[in-house]
Amino acid sequence: CPSVVPVLEPELMVFDPQKTARTQKQRDYASSIIEQFQI
């Protein structure tokens, strides 16, 4: 669906649960997502 953008960044996925857990604790990651996807 062209209007739908699934965010498929590796650090959010299932490949590395420890990395995913670390990402969830990083406040700065939120700003990078907004900037990267130009929300």
Full PDB file with SEQRES, HELIX, SHEET, SSBOND, CRYST1, ORIGX, SCALE, CONECT and MASTER records, all heavy atoms in Angstrom:
SEQRES   1 A   39  CYS PRO SER VAL VAL PRO VAL LEU GLU PRO GLU LEU MET          
SEQRES   2 A   39  VAL PHE ASP PRO GLN LYS THR ALA ARG THR GLN LYS GLN          
SEQRES   3 A   39  ARG ASP TYR ALA SER SER ILE ILE GLU GLN PHE GLN ILE          
HELIX    1 AA1 PRO A   10  LEU A   12  5                                   3    
HELIX    2 AA2 PRO A   17  GLN A   24  1                                   8    
HELIX    3 AA3 ASP A   28  PHE A   37  1                                  10    
CRYST1    1.000    1.000    1.000  90.00  90.00  90.00 P 1           1          
ORIGX1      1.000000  0.000000  0.000000        0.00000                         
ORIGX2      0.000000  1.000000  0.000000        0.00000                         
ORIGX3      0.000000  0.000000  1.000000        0.00000                         
SCALE1      1.000000  0.000000  0.000000        0.00000                         
SCALE2      0.000000  1.000000  0.000000        0.00000                         
SCALE3      0.000000  0.000000  1.000000        0.00000                         
ATOM      1  N   CYS A   1       0.870  -1.180   0.000  1.00  0.00           N  
ATOM      2  CA  CYS A   1       0.000   0.000   0.000  1.00  0.00           C  
ATOM      3  C   CYS A   1       0.904   1.227   0.000  1.00  0.00           C  
ATOM      4  O   CYS A   1       1.648   1.455   0.964  1.00  0.00           O  
ATOM      5  CB  CYS A   1      -0.904   0.001   1.228  1.00  0.00           C  
ATOM      6  SG  CYS A   1      -2.083   1.362   1.262  1.00  0.00           S  
ATOM      7  N   PRO A   2       0.899   2.046  -1.055  1.00  0.00           N  
ATOM      8  CA  PRO A   2       1.863   3.148  -1.196  1.00  0.00           C  
ATOM      9  C   PRO A   2       1.859   4.139  -0.036  1.00  0.00           C  
ATOM     10  O   PRO A   2       2.893   4.751   0.248  1.00  0.00           O  
ATOM     11  CB  PRO A   2       1.412   3.829  -2.495  1.00  0.00           C  
ATOM     12  CG  PRO A   2       0.678   2.775  -3.251  1.00  0.00           C  
ATOM     13  CD  PRO A   2       0.007   1.939  -2.222  1.00  0.00           C  
ATOM     14  N   SER A   3       0.727   4.326   0.630  1.00  0.00           N  
ATOM     15  CA  SER A   3       0.642   5.305   1.710  1.00  0.00           C  
ATOM     16  C   SER A   3       1.118   4.760   3.046  1.00  0.00           C  
ATOM     17  O   SER A   3       1.172   5.501   4.024  1.00  0.00           O  
ATOM     18  CB  SER A   3      -0.805   5.797   1.855  1.00  0.00           C  
ATOM     19  OG  SER A   3      -1.234   6.436   0.674  1.00  0.00           O  
ATOM     20  N   VAL A   4       1.449   3.478   3.102  1.00  0.00           N  
ATOM     21  CA  VAL A   4       1.860   2.833   4.353  1.00  0.00           C  
ATOM     22  C   VAL A   4       3.363   2.592   4.318  1.00  0.00           C  
ATOM     23  O   VAL A   4       3.890   2.007   3.369  1.00  0.00           O  
ATOM     24  CB  VAL A   4       1.109   1.509   4.574  1.00  0.00           C  
ATOM     25  CG1 VAL A   4       1.590   0.833   5.855  1.00  0.00           C  
ATOM     26  CG2 VAL A   4      -0.390   1.764   4.641  1.00  0.00           C  
ATOM     27  N   VAL A   5       4.044   3.043   5.364  1.00  0.00           N  
ATOM     28  CA  VAL A   5       5.500   2.899   5.450  1.00  0.00           C  
ATOM     29  C   VAL A   5       5.844   2.055   6.677  1.00  0.00           C  
ATOM     30  O   VAL A   5       5.827   2.553   7.805  1.00  0.00           O  
ATOM     31  CB  VAL A   5       6.202   4.267   5.558  1.00  0.00           C  
ATOM     32  CG1 VAL A   5       7.714   4.078   5.600  1.00  0.00           C  
ATOM     33  CG2 VAL A   5       5.789   5.183   4.415  1.00  0.00           C  
ATOM     34  N   PRO A   6       6.134   0.766   6.489  1.00  0.00           N  
ATOM     35  CA  PRO A   6       6.587  -0.043   7.629  1.00  0.00           C  
ATOM     36  C   PRO A   6       8.053   0.250   7.929  1.00  0.00           C  
ATOM     37  O   PRO A   6       8.888   0.206   7.029  1.00  0.00           O  
ATOM     38  CB  PRO A   6       6.395  -1.483   7.137  1.00  0.00           C  
ATOM     39  CG  PRO A   6       6.466  -1.394   5.652  1.00  0.00           C  
ATOM     40  CD  PRO A   6       6.004  -0.015   5.257  1.00  0.00           C  
ATOM     41  N   VAL A   7       8.369   0.576   9.167  1.00  0.00           N  
ATOM     42  CA  VAL A   7       9.748   0.880   9.552  1.00  0.00           C  
ATOM     43  C   VAL A   7      10.457  -0.441   9.826  1.00  0.00           C  
ATOM     44  O   VAL A   7      10.172  -1.115  10.816  1.00  0.00           O  
ATOM     45  CB  VAL A   7       9.786   1.804  10.782  1.00  0.00           C  
ATOM     46  CG1 VAL A   7      11.229   2.092  11.196  1.00  0.00           C  
ATOM     47  CG2 VAL A   7       9.053   3.108  10.475  1.00  0.00           C  
ATOM     48  N   LEU A   8      11.376  -0.807   8.944  1.00  0.00           N  
ATOM     49  CA  LEU A   8      12.007  -2.128   8.964  1.00  0.00           C  
ATOM     50  C   LEU A   8      13.487  -2.038   9.337  1.00  0.00           C  
ATOM     51  O   LEU A   8      14.315  -2.736   8.769  1.00  0.00           O  
ATOM     52  CB  LEU A   8      11.837  -2.800   7.606  1.00  0.00           C  
ATOM     53  CG  LEU A   8      10.383  -3.008   7.155  1.00  0.00           C  
ATOM     54  CD1 LEU A   8      10.328  -3.402   5.694  1.00  0.00           C  
ATOM     55  CD2 LEU A   8       9.689  -4.056   8.016  1.00  0.00           C  
ATOM     56  N   GLU A   9      13.804  -1.193  10.284  1.00  0.00           N  
ATOM     57  CA  GLU A   9      15.193  -1.053  10.707  1.00  0.00           C  
ATOM     58  C   GLU A   9      15.641  -2.316  11.453  1.00  0.00           C  
ATOM     59  O   GLU A   9      14.905  -2.840  12.310  1.00  0.00           O  
ATOM     60  CB  GLU A   9      15.347   0.164  11.618  1.00  0.00           C  
ATOM     61  CG  GLU A   9      14.963   1.472  10.940  1.00  0.00           C  
ATOM     62  CD  GLU A   9      15.804   1.719   9.700  1.00  0.00           C  
ATOM     63  OE1 GLU A   9      17.006   1.982   9.829  1.00  0.00           O  
ATOM     64  OE2 GLU A   9      15.244   1.632   8.580  1.00  0.00           O  
ATOM     65  N   PRO A  10      16.842  -2.849  11.153  1.00  0.00           N  
ATOM     66  CA  PRO A  10      17.305  -4.106  11.762  1.00  0.00           C  
ATOM     67  C   PRO A  10      17.305  -4.101  13.283  1.00  0.00           C  
ATOM     68  O   PRO A  10      17.019  -5.114  13.920  1.00  0.00           O  
ATOM     69  CB  PRO A  10      18.723  -4.266  11.211  1.00  0.00           C  
ATOM     70  CG  PRO A  10      18.722  -3.490   9.937  1.00  0.00           C  
ATOM     71  CD  PRO A  10      17.806  -2.334  10.162  1.00  0.00           C  
ATOM     72  N   GLU A  11      17.626  -2.935  13.883  1.00  0.00           N  
ATOM     73  CA  GLU A  11      17.714  -2.882  15.345  1.00  0.00           C  
ATOM     74  C   GLU A  11      16.348  -2.953  16.020  1.00  0.00           C  
ATOM     75  O   GLU A  11      16.256  -3.024  17.248  1.00  0.00           O  
ATOM     76  CB  GLU A  11      18.442  -1.616  15.785  1.00  0.00           C  
ATOM     77  CG  GLU A  11      17.856  -0.329  15.281  1.00  0.00           C  
ATOM     78  CD  GLU A  11      18.475   0.114  13.969  1.00  0.00           C  
ATOM     79  OE1 GLU A  11      18.909  -0.753  13.191  1.00  0.00           O  
ATOM     80  OE2 GLU A  11      18.529   1.333  13.726  1.00  0.00           O  
ATOM     81  N   LEU A  12      15.267  -2.948  15.228  1.00  0.00           N  
ATOM     82  CA  LEU A  12      13.923  -3.078  15.787  1.00  0.00           C  
ATOM     83  C   LEU A  12      13.356  -4.479  15.596  1.00  0.00           C  
ATOM     84  O   LEU A  12      12.288  -4.788  16.125  1.00  0.00           O  
ATOM     85  CB  LEU A  12      12.978  -2.069  15.124  1.00  0.00           C  
ATOM     86  CG  LEU A  12      13.300  -0.591  15.326  1.00  0.00           C  
ATOM     87  CD1 LEU A  12      12.354   0.266  14.492  1.00  0.00           C  
ATOM     88  CD2 LEU A  12      13.196  -0.210  16.793  1.00  0.00           C  
ATOM     89  N   MET A  13      14.067  -5.307  14.838  1.00  0.00           N  
ATOM     90  CA  MET A  13      13.505  -6.589  14.419  1.00  0.00           C  
ATOM     91  C   MET A  13      13.918  -7.715  15.367  1.00  0.00           C  
ATOM     92  O   MET A  13      14.416  -7.472  16.458  1.00  0.00           O  
ATOM     93  CB  MET A  13      13.919  -6.886  12.979  1.00  0.00           C  
ATOM     94  CG  MET A  13      13.701  -5.693  12.038  1.00  0.00           C  
ATOM     95  SD  MET A  13      11.996  -5.081  12.013  1.00  0.00           S  
ATOM     96  CE  MET A  13      11.313  -6.144  10.775  1.00  0.00           C  
ATOM     97  N   VAL A  14      13.732  -8.956  14.900  1.00  0.00           N  
ATOM     98  CA  VAL A  14      13.916 -10.112  15.774  1.00  0.00           C  
ATOM     99  C   VAL A  14      15.296 -10.744  15.677  1.00  0.00           C  
ATOM    100  O   VAL A  14      15.594 -11.683  16.409  1.00  0.00           O  
ATOM    101  CB  VAL A  14      12.867 -11.206  15.456  1.00  0.00           C  
ATOM    102  CG1 VAL A  14      11.477 -10.697  15.739  1.00  0.00           C  
ATOM    103  CG2 VAL A  14      12.988 -11.663  14.001  1.00  0.00           C  
ATOM    104  N   PHE A  15      16.143 -10.255  14.775  1.00  0.00           N  
ATOM    105  CA  PHE A  15      17.405 -10.935  14.524  1.00  0.00           C  
ATOM    106  C   PHE A  15      18.329 -10.922  15.742  1.00  0.00           C  
ATOM    107  O   PHE A  15      19.072 -11.865  15.982  1.00  0.00           O  
ATOM    108  CB  PHE A  15      18.121 -10.306  13.328  1.00  0.00           C  
ATOM    109  CG  PHE A  15      17.218 -10.078  12.150  1.00  0.00           C  
ATOM    110  CD1 PHE A  15      16.990  -8.811  11.656  1.00  0.00           C  
ATOM    111  CD2 PHE A  15      16.585 -11.150  11.550  1.00  0.00           C  
ATOM    112  CE1 PHE A  15      16.144  -8.610  10.584  1.00  0.00           C  
ATOM    113  CE2 PHE A  15      15.740 -10.958  10.477  1.00  0.00           C  
ATOM    114  CZ  PHE A  15      15.513  -9.677   9.997  1.00  0.00           C  
ATOM    115  N   ASP A  16      18.294  -9.838  16.488  1.00  0.00           N  
ATOM    116  CA  ASP A  16      19.173  -9.694  17.649  1.00  0.00           C  
ATOM    117  C   ASP A  16      18.365  -9.119  18.808  1.00  0.00           C  
ATOM    118  O   ASP A  16      18.282  -7.889  18.960  1.00  0.00           O  
ATOM    119  CB  ASP A  16      20.353  -8.774  17.300  1.00  0.00           C  
ATOM    120  CG  ASP A  16      21.412  -8.746  18.401  1.00  0.00           C  
ATOM    121  OD1 ASP A  16      21.086  -9.106  19.545  1.00  0.00           O  
ATOM    122  OD2 ASP A  16      22.561  -8.367  18.095  1.00  0.00           O  
ATOM    123  N   PRO A  17      17.742  -9.982  19.635  1.00  0.00           N  
ATOM    124  CA  PRO A  17      16.896  -9.503  20.737  1.00  0.00           C  
ATOM    125  C   PRO A  17      17.627  -8.557  21.682  1.00  0.00           C  
ATOM    126  O   PRO A  17      17.023  -7.614  22.215  1.00  0.00           O  
ATOM    127  CB  PRO A  17      16.477 -10.792  21.450  1.00  0.00           C  
ATOM    128  CG  PRO A  17      16.582 -11.854  20.407  1.00  0.00           C  
ATOM    129  CD  PRO A  17      17.732 -11.450  19.547  1.00  0.00           C  
ATOM    130  N   GLN A  18      18.924  -8.776  21.908  1.00  0.00           N  
ATOM    131  CA  GLN A  18      19.667  -7.907  22.810  1.00  0.00           C  
ATOM    132  C   GLN A  18      19.816  -6.504  22.221  1.00  0.00           C  
ATOM    133  O   GLN A  18      19.683  -5.499  22.931  1.00  0.00           O  
ATOM    134  CB  GLN A  18      21.042  -8.516  23.112  1.00  0.00           C  
ATOM    135  CG  GLN A  18      20.972  -9.794  23.945  1.00  0.00           C  
ATOM    136  CD  GLN A  18      22.344 -10.338  24.263  1.00  0.00           C  
ATOM    137  OE1 GLN A  18      23.336  -9.994  23.636  1.00  0.00           O  
ATOM    138  NE2 GLN A  18      22.406 -11.208  25.258  1.00  0.00           N  
ATOM    139  N   LYS A  19      20.065  -6.432  20.916  1.00  0.00           N  
ATOM    140  CA  LYS A  19      20.173  -5.127  20.263  1.00  0.00           C  
ATOM    141  C   LYS A  19      18.820  -4.413  20.295  1.00  0.00           C  
ATOM    142  O   LYS A  19      18.743  -3.197  20.523  1.00  0.00           O  
ATOM    143  CB  LYS A  19      20.645  -5.291  18.820  1.00  0.00           C  
ATOM    144  CG  LYS A  19      20.762  -3.968  18.072  1.00  0.00           C  
ATOM    145  CD  LYS A  19      21.152  -4.170  16.620  1.00  0.00           C  
ATOM    146  CE  LYS A  19      22.589  -4.616  16.486  1.00  0.00           C  
ATOM    147  NZ  LYS A  19      23.019  -4.649  15.066  1.00  0.00           N  
ATOM    148  N   THR A  20      17.748  -5.164  20.064  1.00  0.00           N  
ATOM    149  CA  THR A  20      16.408  -4.574  20.112  1.00  0.00           C  
ATOM    150  C   THR A  20      16.117  -4.009  21.491  1.00  0.00           C  
ATOM    151  O   THR A  20      15.569  -2.906  21.629  1.00  0.00           O  
ATOM    152  CB  THR A  20      15.348  -5.627  19.739  1.00  0.00           C  
ATOM    153  OG1 THR A  20      15.610  -6.127  18.427  1.00  0.00           O  
ATOM    154  CG2 THR A  20      13.953  -5.042  19.775  1.00  0.00           C  
ATOM    155  N   ALA A  21      16.484  -4.760  22.527  1.00  0.00           N  
ATOM    156  CA  ALA A  21      16.258  -4.299  23.900  1.00  0.00           C  
ATOM    157  C   ALA A  21      17.048  -3.021  24.181  1.00  0.00           C  
ATOM    158  O   ALA A  21      16.547  -2.096  24.836  1.00  0.00           O  
ATOM    159  CB  ALA A  21      16.645  -5.393  24.886  1.00  0.00           C  
ATOM    160  N   ARG A  22      18.274  -2.949  23.673  1.00  0.00           N  
ATOM    161  CA  ARG A  22      19.088  -1.737  23.868  1.00  0.00           C  
ATOM    162  C   ARG A  22      18.468  -0.543  23.143  1.00  0.00           C  
ATOM    163  O   ARG A  22      18.454   0.575  23.663  1.00  0.00           O  
ATOM    164  CB  ARG A  22      20.521  -1.972  23.388  1.00  0.00           C  
ATOM    165  CG  ARG A  22      21.341  -2.902  24.272  1.00  0.00           C  
ATOM    166  CD  ARG A  22      22.819  -2.785  23.937  1.00  0.00           C  
ATOM    167  NE  ARG A  22      23.119  -3.159  22.561  1.00  0.00           N  
ATOM    168  CZ  ARG A  22      23.414  -4.391  22.171  1.00  0.00           C  
ATOM    169  NH1 ARG A  22      23.453  -5.380  23.063  1.00  0.00           N  
ATOM    170  NH2 ARG A  22      23.695  -4.647  20.901  1.00  0.00           N  
ATOM    171  N   THR A  23      17.962  -0.787  21.933  1.00  0.00           N  
ATOM    172  CA  THR A  23      17.348   0.293  21.164  1.00  0.00           C  
ATOM    173  C   THR A  23      16.151   0.871  21.907  1.00  0.00           C  
ATOM    174  O   THR A  23      15.931   2.082  21.914  1.00  0.00           O  
ATOM    175  CB  THR A  23      16.911  -0.221  19.785  1.00  0.00           C  
ATOM    176  OG1 THR A  23      18.048  -0.733  19.086  1.00  0.00           O  
ATOM    177  CG2 THR A  23      16.282   0.894  18.958  1.00  0.00           C  
ATOM    178  N   GLN A  24      15.386  -0.005  22.551  1.00  0.00           N  
ATOM    179  CA  GLN A  24      14.196   0.459  23.278  1.00  0.00           C  
ATOM    180  C   GLN A  24      14.555   1.362  24.456  1.00  0.00           C  
ATOM    181  O   GLN A  24      13.704   2.091  24.959  1.00  0.00           O  
ATOM    182  CB  GLN A  24      13.385  -0.733  23.777  1.00  0.00           C  
ATOM    183  CG  GLN A  24      12.265  -1.158  22.876  1.00  0.00           C  
ATOM    184  CD  GLN A  24      11.200  -0.088  22.736  1.00  0.00           C  
ATOM    185  OE1 GLN A  24      11.039   0.793  23.572  1.00  0.00           O  
ATOM    186  NE2 GLN A  24      10.438  -0.151  21.653  1.00  0.00           N  
ATOM    187  N   LYS A  25      15.803   1.351  24.884  1.00  0.00           N  
ATOM    188  CA  LYS A  25      16.220   2.173  26.023  1.00  0.00           C  
ATOM    189  C   LYS A  25      16.869   3.487  25.592  1.00  0.00           C  
ATOM    190  O   LYS A  25      17.265   4.288  26.438  1.00  0.00           O  
ATOM    191  CB  LYS A  25      17.199   1.383  26.900  1.00  0.00           C  
ATOM    192  CG  LYS A  25      16.592   0.127  27.523  1.00  0.00           C  
ATOM    193  CD  LYS A  25      17.635  -0.658  28.300  1.00  0.00           C  
ATOM    194  CE  LYS A  25      17.039  -1.938  28.877  1.00  0.00           C  
ATOM    195  NZ  LYS A  25      18.058  -2.764  29.590  1.00  0.00           N  
ATOM    196  N   GLN A  26      16.980   3.697  24.280  1.00  0.00           N  
ATOM    197  CA  GLN A  26      17.695   4.874  23.772  1.00  0.00           C  
ATOM    198  C   GLN A  26      16.715   5.977  23.377  1.00  0.00           C  
ATOM    199  O   GLN A  26      15.984   5.856  22.398  1.00  0.00           O  
ATOM    200  CB  GLN A  26      18.554   4.483  22.563  1.00  0.00           C  
ATOM    201  CG  GLN A  26      19.654   3.489  22.879  1.00  0.00           C  
ATOM    202  CD  GLN A  26      20.373   2.999  21.637  1.00  0.00           C  
ATOM    203  OE1 GLN A  26      20.138   3.502  20.535  1.00  0.00           O  
ATOM    204  NE2 GLN A  26      21.250   2.030  21.797  1.00  0.00           N  
ATOM    205  N   ARG A  27      16.729   7.071  24.117  1.00  0.00           N  
ATOM    206  CA  ARG A  27      15.844   8.197  23.803  1.00  0.00           C  
ATOM    207  C   ARG A  27      16.252   8.865  22.486  1.00  0.00           C  
ATOM    208  O   ARG A  27      15.404   9.323  21.713  1.00  0.00           O  
ATOM    209  CB  ARG A  27      15.872   9.211  24.940  1.00  0.00           C  
ATOM    210  CG  ARG A  27      15.279   8.701  26.242  1.00  0.00           C  
ATOM    211  CD  ARG A  27      15.343   9.741  27.339  1.00  0.00           C  
ATOM    212  NE  ARG A  27      14.492  10.899  27.046  1.00  0.00           N  
ATOM    213  CZ  ARG A  27      14.374  11.937  27.848  1.00  0.00           C  
ATOM    214  NH1 ARG A  27      15.055  11.996  28.980  1.00  0.00           N  
ATOM    215  NH2 ARG A  27      13.588  12.945  27.522  1.00  0.00           N  
ATOM    216  N   ASP A  28      17.552   8.926  22.209  1.00  0.00           N  
ATOM    217  CA  ASP A  28      18.036   9.612  21.013  1.00  0.00           C  
ATOM    218  C   ASP A  28      17.568   8.941  19.727  1.00  0.00           C  
ATOM    219  O   ASP A  28      17.499   9.589  18.674  1.00  0.00           O  
ATOM    220  CB  ASP A  28      19.566   9.690  21.009  1.00  0.00           C  
ATOM    221  CG  ASP A  28      20.101  10.588  22.113  1.00  0.00           C  
ATOM    222  OD1 ASP A  28      19.306  11.363  22.662  1.00  0.00           O  
ATOM    223  OD2 ASP A  28      21.306  10.506  22.416  1.00  0.00           O  
ATOM    224  N   TYR A  29      17.269   7.651  19.808  1.00  0.00           N  
ATOM    225  CA  TYR A  29      16.864   6.921  18.603  1.00  0.00           C  
ATOM    226  C   TYR A  29      15.564   7.489  18.031  1.00  0.00           C  
ATOM    227  O   TYR A  29      15.344   7.453  16.819  1.00  0.00           O  
ATOM    228  CB  TYR A  29      16.690   5.446  18.925  1.00  0.00           C  
ATOM    229  CG  TYR A  29      16.489   4.567  17.714  1.00  0.00           C  
ATOM    230  CD1 TYR A  29      17.569   4.197  16.924  1.00  0.00           C  
ATOM    231  CD2 TYR A  29      15.231   4.112  17.348  1.00  0.00           C  
ATOM    232  CE1 TYR A  29      17.401   3.403  15.800  1.00  0.00           C  
ATOM    233  CE2 TYR A  29      15.036   3.318  16.234  1.00  0.00           C  
ATOM    234  CZ  TYR A  29      16.126   2.968  15.460  1.00  0.00           C  
ATOM    235  OH  TYR A  29      15.952   2.188  14.352  1.00  0.00           O  
ATOM    236  N   ALA A  30      14.721   8.037  18.884  1.00  0.00           N  
ATOM    237  CA  ALA A  30      13.449   8.599  18.426  1.00  0.00           C  
ATOM    238  C   ALA A  30      13.681   9.748  17.453  1.00  0.00           C  
ATOM    239  O   ALA A  30      13.047   9.832  16.394  1.00  0.00           O  
ATOM    240  CB  ALA A  30      12.631   9.067  19.628  1.00  0.00           C  
ATOM    241  N   SER A  31      14.605  10.633  17.794  1.00  0.00           N  
ATOM    242  CA  SER A  31      14.898  11.777  16.920  1.00  0.00           C  
ATOM    243  C   SER A  31      15.442  11.316  15.575  1.00  0.00           C  
ATOM    244  O   SER A  31      15.110  11.886  14.525  1.00  0.00           O  
ATOM    245  CB  SER A  31      15.912  12.709  17.590  1.00  0.00           C  
ATOM    246  OG  SER A  31      15.414  13.210  18.807  1.00  0.00           O  
ATOM    247  N   SER A  32      16.277  10.291  15.609  1.00  0.00           N  
ATOM    248  CA  SER A  32      16.871   9.802  14.361  1.00  0.00           C  
ATOM    249  C   SER A  32      15.813   9.205  13.439  1.00  0.00           C  
ATOM    250  O   SER A  32      15.896   9.334  12.215  1.00  0.00           O  
ATOM    251  CB  SER A  32      17.974   8.783  14.657  1.00  0.00           C  
ATOM    252  OG  SER A  32      17.438   7.596  15.200  1.00  0.00           O  
ATOM    253  N   ILE A  33      14.805   8.553  14.002  1.00  0.00           N  
ATOM    254  CA  ILE A  33      13.718   7.981  13.204  1.00  0.00           C  
ATOM    255  C   ILE A  33      12.919   9.093  12.529  1.00  0.00           C  
ATOM    256  O   ILE A  33      12.619   9.029  11.332  1.00  0.00           O  
ATOM    257  CB  ILE A  33      12.795   7.118  14.084  1.00  0.00           C  
ATOM    258  CG1 ILE A  33      13.463   5.785  14.420  1.00  0.00           C  
ATOM    259  CG2 ILE A  33      11.459   6.862  13.385  1.00  0.00           C  
ATOM    260  CD1 ILE A  33      13.587   4.824  13.258  1.00  0.00           C  
ATOM    261  N   ILE A  34      12.572  10.126  13.292  1.00  0.00           N  
ATOM    262  CA  ILE A  34      11.801  11.240  12.727  1.00  0.00           C  
ATOM    263  C   ILE A  34      12.575  11.907  11.601  1.00  0.00           C  
ATOM    264  O   ILE A  34      12.020  12.227  10.542  1.00  0.00           O  
ATOM    265  CB  ILE A  34      11.463  12.258  13.835  1.00  0.00           C  
ATOM    266  CG1 ILE A  34      10.531  11.617  14.872  1.00  0.00           C  
ATOM    267  CG2 ILE A  34      10.808  13.508  13.234  1.00  0.00           C  
ATOM    268  CD1 ILE A  34      10.269  12.480  16.079  1.00  0.00           C  
ATOM    269  N   GLU A  35      13.866  12.101  11.806  1.00  0.00           N  
ATOM    270  CA  GLU A  35      14.695  12.754  10.801  1.00  0.00           C  
ATOM    271  C   GLU A  35      14.917  11.864   9.586  1.00  0.00           C  
ATOM    272  O   GLU A  35      14.817  12.313   8.441  1.00  0.00           O  
ATOM    273  CB  GLU A  35      16.044  13.129  11.414  1.00  0.00           C  
ATOM    274  CG  GLU A  35      16.971  13.862  10.457  1.00  0.00           C  
ATOM    275  CD  GLU A  35      18.282  14.256  11.113  1.00  0.00           C  
ATOM    276  OE1 GLU A  35      18.404  14.135  12.352  1.00  0.00           O  
ATOM    277  OE2 GLU A  35      19.201  14.683  10.384  1.00  0.00           O  
ATOM    278  N   GLN A  36      15.213  10.596   9.834  1.00  0.00           N  
ATOM    279  CA  GLN A  36      15.500   9.685   8.725  1.00  0.00           C  
ATOM    280  C   GLN A  36      14.316   9.526   7.783  1.00  0.00           C  
ATOM    281  O   GLN A  36      14.475   9.518   6.560  1.00  0.00           O  
ATOM    282  CB  GLN A  36      15.910   8.313   9.273  1.00  0.00           C  
ATOM    283  CG  GLN A  36      16.158   7.265   8.201  1.00  0.00           C  
ATOM    284  CD  GLN A  36      16.502   5.906   8.793  1.00  0.00           C  
ATOM    285  OE1 GLN A  36      16.796   5.789   9.968  1.00  0.00           O  
ATOM    286  NE2 GLN A  36      16.461   4.878   7.975  1.00  0.00           N  
ATOM    287  N   PHE A  37      13.096   9.408   8.367  1.00  0.00           N  
ATOM    288  CA  PHE A  37      11.906   9.165   7.545  1.00  0.00           C  
ATOM    289  C   PHE A  37      11.147  10.452   7.231  1.00  0.00           C  
ATOM    290  O   PHE A  37      10.108  10.403   6.574  1.00  0.00           O  
ATOM    291  CB  PHE A  37      10.998   8.152   8.241  1.00  0.00           C  
ATOM    292  CG  PHE A  37      11.548   6.754   8.236  1.00  0.00           C  
ATOM    293  CD1 PHE A  37      12.325   6.299   9.290  1.00  0.00           C  
ATOM    294  CD2 PHE A  37      11.317   5.902   7.174  1.00  0.00           C  
ATOM    295  CE1 PHE A  37      12.849   5.009   9.287  1.00  0.00           C  
ATOM    296  CE2 PHE A  37      11.835   4.618   7.157  1.00  0.00           C  
ATOM    297  CZ  PHE A  37      12.603   4.171   8.217  1.00  0.00           C  
ATOM    298  N   GLN A  38      11.662  11.584   7.708  1.00  0.00           N  
ATOM    299  CA  GLN A  38      11.061  12.889   7.424  1.00  0.00           C  
ATOM    300  C   GLN A  38       9.562  12.894   7.725  1.00  0.00           C  
ATOM    301  O   GLN A  38       8.721  13.244   6.885  1.00  0.00           O  
ATOM    302  CB  GLN A  38      11.320  13.295   5.970  1.00  0.00           C  
ATOM    303  CG  GLN A  38      12.812  13.418   5.643  1.00  0.00           C  
ATOM    304  CD  GLN A  38      13.077  13.855   4.216  1.00  0.00           C  
ATOM    305  OE1 GLN A  38      12.287  13.600   3.319  1.00  0.00           O  
ATOM    306  NE2 GLN A  38      14.203  14.517   4.000  1.00  0.00           N  
ATOM    307  N   ILE A  39       9.239  12.485   8.940  1.00  0.00           N  
ATOM    308  CA  ILE A  39       7.847  12.410   9.379  1.00  0.00           C  
ATOM    309  C   ILE A  39       7.328  13.823   9.638  1.00  0.00           C  
ATOM    310  O   ILE A  39       7.968  14.621  10.327  1.00  0.00           O  
ATOM    311  CB  ILE A  39       7.726  11.551  10.652  1.00  0.00           C  
ATOM    312  CG1 ILE A  39       8.273  10.132  10.376  1.00  0.00           C  
ATOM    313  CG2 ILE A  39       6.281  11.473  11.114  1.00  0.00           C  
ATOM    314  CD1 ILE A  39       8.341   9.245  11.603  1.00  0.00           C  
TER     315      ILE A  39                                                      
MASTER        0    0    0    3    0    0    0    6  314    1    0    3          
END                                                                             
